[in-house]
Amino acid sequence: MQLVQETKNLVRLTRFGMVNCFLVREDDGLTLIDTGVAGSAPSIRKAAQSLGAPIRRILLTHAHIDHIGSLDALAGEYPGMEFAVGQRESRLLRKDFSLAAGETGKRLMGFPGAKSQPTRLLNDGDRIGSLQAAFSPGHTPGHFAFLDMRDGSLIAGDAFTTQTGVLAAGTFKLLFPFPALFSWNREVAAESARKLRGLKPERLAVGHGKTVESPLAAIDQAIELAFRQCGKMLN
């Protein structure tokens, strides 16, 4: 697993060159955002040890297999650890694929579920240490991103990808990570991308691809493309 120190408080952990999770330094230790694919727990634990701080909590951007693969293994290693996920997304951890009133989208796939039970359910705008939770559905019904209020780092999960340029979830492109293929509702994803842009992030850290510094111009292009592919015009 590759370790990249993005800022003094943000470390990107990359496995197989394409799947990211993140460690965020707080006063009491580390917050782990997403847990990678199955088998990542030893490498994540080793990375935390190299940073000289314990993992105090786990946050999930969403419940896809490549983001919760090592959740149960890590939660089992750290009894009493705080584990937070969006209120809507928590249903997918239980493999409850029913839709709420007004929700529409593609068939929900790639959710293996987990045994671990969240200790906290997140709503839009909640604070977890230095991080502000931002509800950003579209890639999944209950997707969340997290903005570090200290330096403007946006850990955006799969609301954006950067492997083939900055793209919003749901955008069609015939290259991995195929953002259109694995996103639930591209219209909702485009709106969420615009919402996250409104946070004016100083850097964009994502589940697939390298972190982008000063990303606003690239995000603007991504949003324009996303809306154009939806057959809509930006207001």
C-alpha atoms as a PDB file:
ATOM      1  CA  MET A   1       0.000   0.000   0.000  1.00  0.00           C
ATOM      2  CA  GLN A   2       1.406   3.377  -1.023  1.00  0.00           C
ATOM      3  CA  LEU A   3       1.391   6.171   1.559  1.00  0.00           C
ATOM      4  CA  VAL A   4       1.291   9.781   0.340  1.00  0.00           C
ATOM      5  CA  GLN A   5       1.466  12.706   2.777  1.00  0.00           C
ATOM      6  CA  GLU A   6      -0.860  15.211   1.095  1.00  0.00           C
ATOM      7  CA  THR A   7      -0.831  17.832   3.878  1.00  0.00           C
ATOM      8  CA  LYS A   8       0.306  17.850   7.492  1.00  0.00           C
ATOM      9  CA  ASN A   9      -3.116  16.468   8.438  1.00  0.00           C
ATOM     10  CA  LEU A  10      -4.040  14.322   5.409  1.00  0.00           C
ATOM     11  CA  VAL A  11      -2.472  11.045   4.281  1.00  0.00           C
ATOM     12  CA  ARG A  12      -3.631   9.091   1.236  1.00  0.00           C
ATOM     13  CA  LEU A  13      -3.306   5.308   1.304  1.00  0.00           C
ATOM     14  CA  THR A  14      -3.486   3.688  -2.137  1.00  0.00           C
ATOM     15  CA  ARG A  15      -3.779  -0.009  -2.882  1.00  0.00           C
ATOM     16  CA  PHE A  16      -3.352  -1.577  -6.327  1.00  0.00           C
ATOM     17  CA  GLY A  17      -2.648   1.920  -7.648  1.00  0.00           C
ATOM     18  CA  MET A  18      -6.335   2.728  -7.842  1.00  0.00           C
ATOM     19  CA  VAL A  19      -8.227   2.395  -4.538  1.00  0.00           C
ATOM     20  CA  ASN A  20      -7.745   5.128  -1.933  1.00  0.00           C
ATOM     21  CA  CYS A  21      -8.606   5.587   1.698  1.00  0.00           C
ATOM     22  CA  PHE A  22      -7.419   8.415   3.942  1.00  0.00           C
ATOM     23  CA  LEU A  23      -6.061   9.096   7.395  1.00  0.00           C
ATOM     24  CA  VAL A  24      -6.832  12.521   8.861  1.00  0.00           C
ATOM     25  CA  ARG A  25      -4.845  13.676  11.873  1.00  0.00           C
ATOM     26  CA  GLU A  26      -6.820  15.092  14.792  1.00  0.00           C
ATOM     27  CA  ASP A  27      -5.735  16.170  18.274  1.00  0.00           C
ATOM     28  CA  ASP A  28      -6.734  12.806  19.732  1.00  0.00           C
ATOM     29  CA  GLY A  29      -5.350  10.593  16.972  1.00  0.00           C
ATOM     30  CA  LEU A  30      -6.414   9.610  13.459  1.00  0.00           C
ATOM     31  CA  THR A  31      -9.705   9.455  11.604  1.00  0.00           C
ATOM     32  CA  LEU A  32      -9.830   6.808   8.886  1.00  0.00           C
ATOM     33  CA  ILE A  33     -12.057   7.708   5.935  1.00  0.00           C
ATOM     34  CA  ASP A  34     -13.065   4.506   4.122  1.00  0.00           C
ATOM     35  CA  THR A  35     -11.323   1.168   4.603  1.00  0.00           C
ATOM     36  CA  GLY A  36     -10.337   0.023   1.118  1.00  0.00           C
ATOM     37  CA  VAL A  37     -10.802  -3.453  -0.266  1.00  0.00           C
ATOM     38  CA  ALA A  38     -10.706  -6.642   1.776  1.00  0.00           C
ATOM     39  CA  GLY A  39      -7.252  -7.428   3.120  1.00  0.00           C
ATOM     40  CA  SER A  40      -6.225  -3.798   3.582  1.00  0.00           C
ATOM     41  CA  ALA A  41      -6.435  -3.783   7.385  1.00  0.00           C
ATOM     42  CA  PRO A  42      -2.796  -4.763   8.103  1.00  0.00           C
ATOM     43  CA  SER A  43      -1.456  -2.063   5.772  1.00  0.00           C
ATOM     44  CA  ILE A  44      -3.795   0.568   7.222  1.00  0.00           C
ATOM     45  CA  ARG A  45      -2.742  -0.377  10.746  1.00  0.00           C
ATOM     46  CA  LYS A  46       0.929  -0.204   9.744  1.00  0.00           C
ATOM     47  CA  ALA A  47       0.401   3.233   8.182  1.00  0.00           C
ATOM     48  CA  ALA A  48      -1.197   4.527  11.374  1.00  0.00           C
ATOM     49  CA  GLN A  49       1.700   3.167  13.417  1.00  0.00           C
ATOM     50  CA  SER A  50       4.170   4.938  11.122  1.00  0.00           C
ATOM     51  CA  LEU A  51       2.328   8.186  11.818  1.00  0.00           C
ATOM     52  CA  GLY A  52       2.650   7.603  15.557  1.00  0.00           C
ATOM     53  CA  ALA A  53      -1.051   7.928  16.359  1.00  0.00           C
ATOM     54  CA  PRO A  54      -3.961   5.554  17.020  1.00  0.00           C
ATOM     55  CA  ILE A  55      -6.994   5.266  14.779  1.00  0.00           C
ATOM     56  CA  ARG A  56      -9.825   6.739  16.848  1.00  0.00           C
ATOM     57  CA  ARG A  57     -12.725   6.599  14.392  1.00  0.00           C
ATOM     58  CA  ILE A  58     -13.844   5.346  11.000  1.00  0.00           C
ATOM     59  CA  LEU A  59     -15.968   7.399   8.625  1.00  0.00           C
ATOM     60  CA  LEU A  60     -17.477   6.007   5.445  1.00  0.00           C
ATOM     61  CA  THR A  61     -18.202   7.999   2.317  1.00  0.00           C
ATOM     62  CA  HIS A  62     -20.402   5.151   1.087  1.00  0.00           C
ATOM     63  CA  ALA A  63     -20.936   1.420   1.333  1.00  0.00           C
ATOM     64  CA  HIS A  64     -19.491   0.058  -1.917  1.00  0.00           C
ATOM     65  CA  ILE A  65     -17.272  -3.014  -1.610  1.00  0.00           C
ATOM     66  CA  ASP A  66     -14.020  -1.135  -2.292  1.00  0.00           C
ATOM     67  CA  HIS A  67     -14.747   1.327   0.522  1.00  0.00           C
ATOM     68  CA  ILE A  68     -15.933  -1.040   3.260  1.00  0.00           C
ATOM     69  CA  GLY A  69     -13.848  -4.113   2.410  1.00  0.00           C
ATOM     70  CA  SER A  70     -11.746  -3.945   5.579  1.00  0.00           C
ATOM     71  CA  LEU A  71     -14.346  -2.351   7.852  1.00  0.00           C
ATOM     72  CA  ASP A  72     -15.175  -5.415   9.914  1.00  0.00           C
ATOM     73  CA  ALA A  73     -11.519  -6.413  10.295  1.00  0.00           C
ATOM     74  CA  LEU A  74     -10.528  -2.956  11.553  1.00  0.00           C
ATOM     75  CA  ALA A  75     -13.549  -2.514  13.786  1.00  0.00           C
ATOM     76  CA  GLY A  76     -12.734  -5.863  15.379  1.00  0.00           C
ATOM     77  CA  GLU A  77      -9.169  -4.732  16.101  1.00  0.00           C
ATOM     78  CA  TYR A  78     -10.222  -1.495  17.797  1.00  0.00           C
ATOM     79  CA  PRO A  79     -13.056  -2.243  20.247  1.00  0.00           C
ATOM     80  CA  GLY A  80     -15.027   0.832  21.215  1.00  0.00           C
ATOM     81  CA  MET A  81     -13.940   2.781  18.148  1.00  0.00           C
ATOM     82  CA  GLU A  82     -16.383   5.367  16.837  1.00  0.00           C
ATOM     83  CA  PHE A  83     -17.832   4.349  13.485  1.00  0.00           C
ATOM     84  CA  ALA A  84     -19.923   6.856  11.553  1.00  0.00           C
ATOM     85  CA  VAL A  85     -21.810   6.620   8.271  1.00  0.00           C
ATOM     86  CA  GLY A  86     -24.563   8.640   6.650  1.00  0.00           C
ATOM     87  CA  GLN A  87     -28.032   7.891   7.914  1.00  0.00           C
ATOM     88  CA  ARG A  88     -29.337   6.944   4.454  1.00  0.00           C
ATOM     89  CA  GLU A  89     -26.244   4.909   3.550  1.00  0.00           C
ATOM     90  CA  SER A  90     -26.458   2.888   6.754  1.00  0.00           C
ATOM     91  CA  ARG A  91     -29.349   0.933   5.240  1.00  0.00           C
ATOM     92  CA  LEU A  92     -27.036  -0.340   2.516  1.00  0.00           C
ATOM     93  CA  LEU A  93     -24.660  -1.660   5.177  1.00  0.00           C
ATOM     94  CA  ARG A  94     -27.586  -3.811   6.288  1.00  0.00           C
ATOM     95  CA  LYS A  95     -28.212  -4.823   2.648  1.00  0.00           C
ATOM     96  CA  ASP A  96     -31.523  -3.012   2.677  1.00  0.00           C
ATOM     97  CA  PHE A  97     -31.876  -1.986  -0.960  1.00  0.00           C
ATOM     98  CA  SER A  98     -35.348  -0.483  -0.729  1.00  0.00           C
ATOM     99  CA  LEU A  99     -35.722   3.080  -1.982  1.00  0.00           C
ATOM    100  CA  ALA A 100     -37.152   5.952  -0.010  1.00  0.00           C
ATOM    101  CA  ALA A 101     -40.094   7.977  -1.289  1.00  0.00           C
ATOM    102  CA  GLY A 102     -39.019  10.079  -4.248  1.00  0.00           C
ATOM    103  CA  GLU A 103     -35.782   8.174  -4.896  1.00  0.00           C
ATOM    104  CA  THR A 104     -35.112   6.783  -8.351  1.00  0.00           C
ATOM    105  CA  GLY A 105     -31.986   5.319  -9.870  1.00  0.00           C
ATOM    106  CA  LYS A 106     -30.285   2.296 -11.336  1.00  0.00           C
ATOM    107  CA  ARG A 107     -30.306  -1.067  -9.638  1.00  0.00           C
ATOM    108  CA  LEU A 108     -28.127  -0.915  -6.535  1.00  0.00           C
ATOM    109  CA  MET A 109     -25.044  -3.119  -6.934  1.00  0.00           C
ATOM    110  CA  GLY A 110     -21.720  -3.655  -5.204  1.00  0.00           C
ATOM    111  CA  PHE A 111     -22.942  -3.497  -1.608  1.00  0.00           C
ATOM    112  CA  PRO A 112     -21.770  -6.565   0.344  1.00  0.00           C
ATOM    113  CA  GLY A 113     -22.991  -5.288   3.696  1.00  0.00           C
ATOM    114  CA  ALA A 114     -21.076  -5.413   6.970  1.00  0.00           C
ATOM    115  CA  LYS A 115     -21.427  -6.877  10.441  1.00  0.00           C
ATOM    116  CA  SER A 116     -20.156  -3.707  12.128  1.00  0.00           C
ATOM    117  CA  GLN A 117     -22.854  -1.424  13.457  1.00  0.00           C
ATOM    118  CA  PRO A 118     -22.364   2.345  13.261  1.00  0.00           C
ATOM    119  CA  THR A 119     -22.139   4.212  16.525  1.00  0.00           C
ATOM    120  CA  ARG A 120     -23.203   7.444  14.842  1.00  0.00           C
ATOM    121  CA  LEU A 121     -25.441   8.249  11.886  1.00  0.00           C
ATOM    122  CA  LEU A 122     -24.502  11.407  10.014  1.00  0.00           C
ATOM    123  CA  ASN A 123     -26.658  14.172   8.605  1.00  0.00           C
ATOM    124  CA  ASP A 124     -25.686  16.989   6.269  1.00  0.00           C
ATOM    125  CA  GLY A 125     -23.497  19.562   8.021  1.00  0.00           C
ATOM    126  CA  ASP A 126     -22.542  17.421  11.015  1.00  0.00           C
ATOM    127  CA  ARG A 127     -19.065  17.926  12.446  1.00  0.00           C
ATOM    128  CA  ILE A 128     -16.718  15.082  13.319  1.00  0.00           C
ATOM    129  CA  GLY A 129     -13.615  16.643  14.779  1.00  0.00           C
ATOM    130  CA  SER A 130     -12.225  18.974  12.119  1.00  0.00           C
ATOM    131  CA  LEU A 131     -14.396  17.470   9.373  1.00  0.00           C
ATOM    132  CA  GLN A 132     -17.722  18.768   8.136  1.00  0.00           C
ATOM    133  CA  ALA A 133     -19.975  16.120   6.625  1.00  0.00           C
ATOM    134  CA  ALA A 134     -21.563  16.992   3.275  1.00  0.00           C
ATOM    135  CA  PHE A 135     -24.447  14.873   2.003  1.00  0.00           C
ATOM    136  CA  SER A 136     -23.677  14.231  -1.654  1.00  0.00           C
ATOM    137  CA  PRO A 137     -25.941  11.519  -3.092  1.00  0.00           C
ATOM    138  CA  GLY A 138     -25.872  10.291  -6.643  1.00  0.00           C
ATOM    139  CA  HIS A 139     -23.028   7.819  -6.790  1.00  0.00           C
ATOM    140  CA  THR A 140     -25.032   6.040  -4.098  1.00  0.00           C
ATOM    141  CA  PRO A 141     -28.274   7.159  -2.406  1.00  0.00           C
ATOM    142  CA  GLY A 142     -26.552   8.169   0.833  1.00  0.00           C
ATOM    143  CA  HIS A 143     -23.048   9.218  -0.225  1.00  0.00           C
ATOM    144  CA  PHE A 144     -21.135  11.694   1.969  1.00  0.00           C
ATOM    145  CA  ALA A 145     -18.017  13.805   1.466  1.00  0.00           C
ATOM    146  CA  PHE A 146     -15.952  15.398   4.237  1.00  0.00           C
ATOM    147  CA  LEU A 147     -14.415  18.878   4.263  1.00  0.00           C
ATOM    148  CA  ASP A 148     -11.492  19.564   6.584  1.00  0.00           C
ATOM    149  CA  MET A 149     -12.330  22.992   7.956  1.00  0.00           C
ATOM    150  CA  ARG A 150      -8.686  23.681   8.818  1.00  0.00           C
ATOM    151  CA  ASP A 151      -7.293  23.701   5.297  1.00  0.00           C
ATOM    152  CA  GLY A 152     -10.125  23.138   2.829  1.00  0.00           C
ATOM    153  CA  SER A 153      -9.245  19.548   1.920  1.00  0.00           C
ATOM    154  CA  LEU A 154     -12.337  17.836   0.502  1.00  0.00           C
ATOM    155  CA  ILE A 155     -12.313  14.057   0.862  1.00  0.00           C
ATOM    156  CA  ALA A 156     -14.991  13.419  -1.730  1.00  0.00           C
ATOM    157  CA  GLY A 157     -15.242   9.631  -1.910  1.00  0.00           C
ATOM    158  CA  ASP A 158     -16.601   8.746  -5.346  1.00  0.00           C
ATOM    159  CA  ALA A 159     -18.542  11.976  -5.885  1.00  0.00           C
ATOM    160  CA  PHE A 160     -15.592  12.746  -8.183  1.00  0.00           C
ATOM    161  CA  THR A 161     -12.811  10.670  -9.722  1.00  0.00           C
ATOM    162  CA  THR A 162      -9.452  11.978 -10.946  1.00  0.00           C
ATOM    163  CA  GLN A 163      -7.799   9.013 -12.675  1.00  0.00           C
ATOM    164  CA  THR A 164      -8.691  10.287 -16.151  1.00  0.00           C
ATOM    165  CA  GLY A 165      -9.082  13.953 -15.273  1.00  0.00           C
ATOM    166  CA  VAL A 166     -11.586  15.320 -12.785  1.00  0.00           C
ATOM    167  CA  LEU A 167     -14.997  13.776 -13.459  1.00  0.00           C
ATOM    168  CA  ALA A 168     -18.232  13.901 -11.494  1.00  0.00           C
ATOM    169  CA  ALA A 169     -19.902  10.633 -10.564  1.00  0.00           C
ATOM    170  CA  GLY A 170     -22.199   9.390 -13.295  1.00  0.00           C
ATOM    171  CA  THR A 171     -20.178  10.892 -16.138  1.00  0.00           C
ATOM    172  CA  PHE A 172     -19.724   8.544 -19.086  1.00  0.00           C
ATOM    173  CA  LYS A 173     -16.123   7.633 -19.897  1.00  0.00           C
ATOM    174  CA  LEU A 174     -14.808   4.303 -21.174  1.00  0.00           C
ATOM    175  CA  LEU A 175     -11.928   4.082 -18.723  1.00  0.00           C
ATOM    176  CA  PHE A 176     -11.669   2.783 -15.138  1.00  0.00           C
ATOM    177  CA  PRO A 177     -13.219   3.587 -12.710  1.00  0.00           C
ATOM    178  CA  PHE A 178     -16.152   3.889 -15.159  1.00  0.00           C
ATOM    179  CA  PRO A 179     -17.992   6.592 -13.173  1.00  0.00           C
ATOM    180  CA  ALA A 180     -21.221   6.142 -15.136  1.00  0.00           C
ATOM    181  CA  LEU A 181     -21.325   2.363 -14.706  1.00  0.00           C
ATOM    182  CA  PHE A 182     -21.054   2.326 -10.936  1.00  0.00           C
ATOM    183  CA  SER A 183     -23.159   5.411 -10.125  1.00  0.00           C
ATOM    184  CA  TRP A 184     -26.772   5.122  -9.083  1.00  0.00           C
ATOM    185  CA  ASN A 185     -28.289   8.388 -10.372  1.00  0.00           C
ATOM    186  CA  ARG A 186     -26.238  10.688 -12.605  1.00  0.00           C
ATOM    187  CA  GLU A 187     -28.620  13.645 -12.378  1.00  0.00           C
ATOM    188  CA  VAL A 188     -28.478  13.609  -8.588  1.00  0.00           C
ATOM    189  CA  ALA A 189     -24.702  13.123  -8.779  1.00  0.00           C
ATOM    190  CA  ALA A 190     -24.346  16.218 -10.964  1.00  0.00           C
ATOM    191  CA  GLU A 191     -26.300  18.289  -8.454  1.00  0.00           C
ATOM    192  CA  SER A 192     -24.122  16.956  -5.634  1.00  0.00           C
ATOM    193  CA  ALA A 193     -20.974  17.828  -7.567  1.00  0.00           C
ATOM    194  CA  ARG A 194     -22.240  21.394  -7.867  1.00  0.00           C
ATOM    195  CA  LYS A 195     -23.025  21.448  -4.146  1.00  0.00           C
ATOM    196  CA  LEU A 196     -19.523  20.258  -3.239  1.00  0.00           C
ATOM    197  CA  ARG A 197     -18.000  22.867  -5.538  1.00  0.00           C
ATOM    198  CA  GLY A 198     -19.842  25.449  -3.461  1.00  0.00           C
ATOM    199  CA  LEU A 199     -17.659  24.449  -0.503  1.00  0.00           C
ATOM    200  CA  LYS A 200     -14.708  25.930  -2.455  1.00  0.00           C
ATOM    201  CA  PRO A 201     -12.230  23.188  -1.606  1.00  0.00           C
ATOM    202  CA  GLU A 202      -8.520  23.960  -1.675  1.00  0.00           C
ATOM    203  CA  ARG A 203      -7.765  20.371  -2.707  1.00  0.00           C
ATOM    204  CA  LEU A 204      -9.800  17.422  -3.932  1.00  0.00           C
ATOM    205  CA  ALA A 205      -9.053  13.965  -2.538  1.00  0.00           C
ATOM    206  CA  VAL A 206     -11.017  11.074  -4.020  1.00  0.00           C
ATOM    207  CA  GLY A 207     -11.493   7.335  -3.847  1.00  0.00           C
ATOM    208  CA  HIS A 208      -9.899   6.730  -7.250  1.00  0.00           C
ATOM    209  CA  GLY A 209      -7.068   8.905  -8.498  1.00  0.00           C
ATOM    210  CA  LYS A 210      -4.519  11.378  -7.206  1.00  0.00           C
ATOM    211  CA  THR A 211      -5.357  14.373  -5.064  1.00  0.00           C
ATOM    212  CA  VAL A 212      -5.792  17.598  -7.042  1.00  0.00           C
ATOM    213  CA  GLU A 213      -4.582  20.929  -5.677  1.00  0.00           C
ATOM    214  CA  SER A 214      -6.535  24.137  -6.452  1.00  0.00           C
ATOM    215  CA  PRO A 215      -9.259  22.072  -8.133  1.00  0.00           C
ATOM    216  CA  LEU A 216     -12.051  24.604  -8.736  1.00  0.00           C
ATOM    217  CA  ALA A 217     -11.445  25.149 -12.458  1.00  0.00           C
ATOM    218  CA  ALA A 218     -11.292  21.397 -13.084  1.00  0.00           C
ATOM    219  CA  ILE A 219     -14.393  20.843 -10.960  1.00  0.00           C
ATOM    220  CA  ASP A 220     -16.250  23.497 -12.966  1.00  0.00           C
ATOM    221  CA  GLN A 221     -15.432  21.646 -16.189  1.00  0.00           C
ATOM    222  CA  ALA A 222     -16.504  18.353 -14.634  1.00  0.00           C
ATOM    223  CA  ILE A 223     -19.829  19.804 -13.538  1.00  0.00           C
ATOM    224  CA  GLU A 224     -20.479  21.318 -16.961  1.00  0.00           C
ATOM    225  CA  LEU A 225     -19.826  17.954 -18.625  1.00  0.00           C
ATOM    226  CA  ALA A 226     -21.995  16.113 -16.108  1.00  0.00           C
ATOM    227  CA  PHE A 227     -24.968  18.373 -16.714  1.00  0.00           C
ATOM    228  CA  ARG A 228     -24.451  18.275 -20.480  1.00  0.00           C
ATOM    229  CA  GLN A 229     -24.525  14.462 -20.453  1.00  0.00           C
ATOM    230  CA  CYS A 230     -27.740  14.625 -18.432  1.00  0.00           C
ATOM    231  CA  GLY A 231     -29.252  16.837 -21.131  1.00  0.00           C
ATOM    232  CA  LYS A 232     -29.501  19.752 -18.745  1.00  0.00           C
ATOM    233  CA  MET A 233     -28.090  23.247 -18.728  1.00  0.00           C
ATOM    234  CA  LEU A 234     -26.327  24.785 -15.762  1.00  0.00           C
ATOM    235  CA  ASN A 235     -28.403  27.540 -14.165  1.00  0.00           C
END
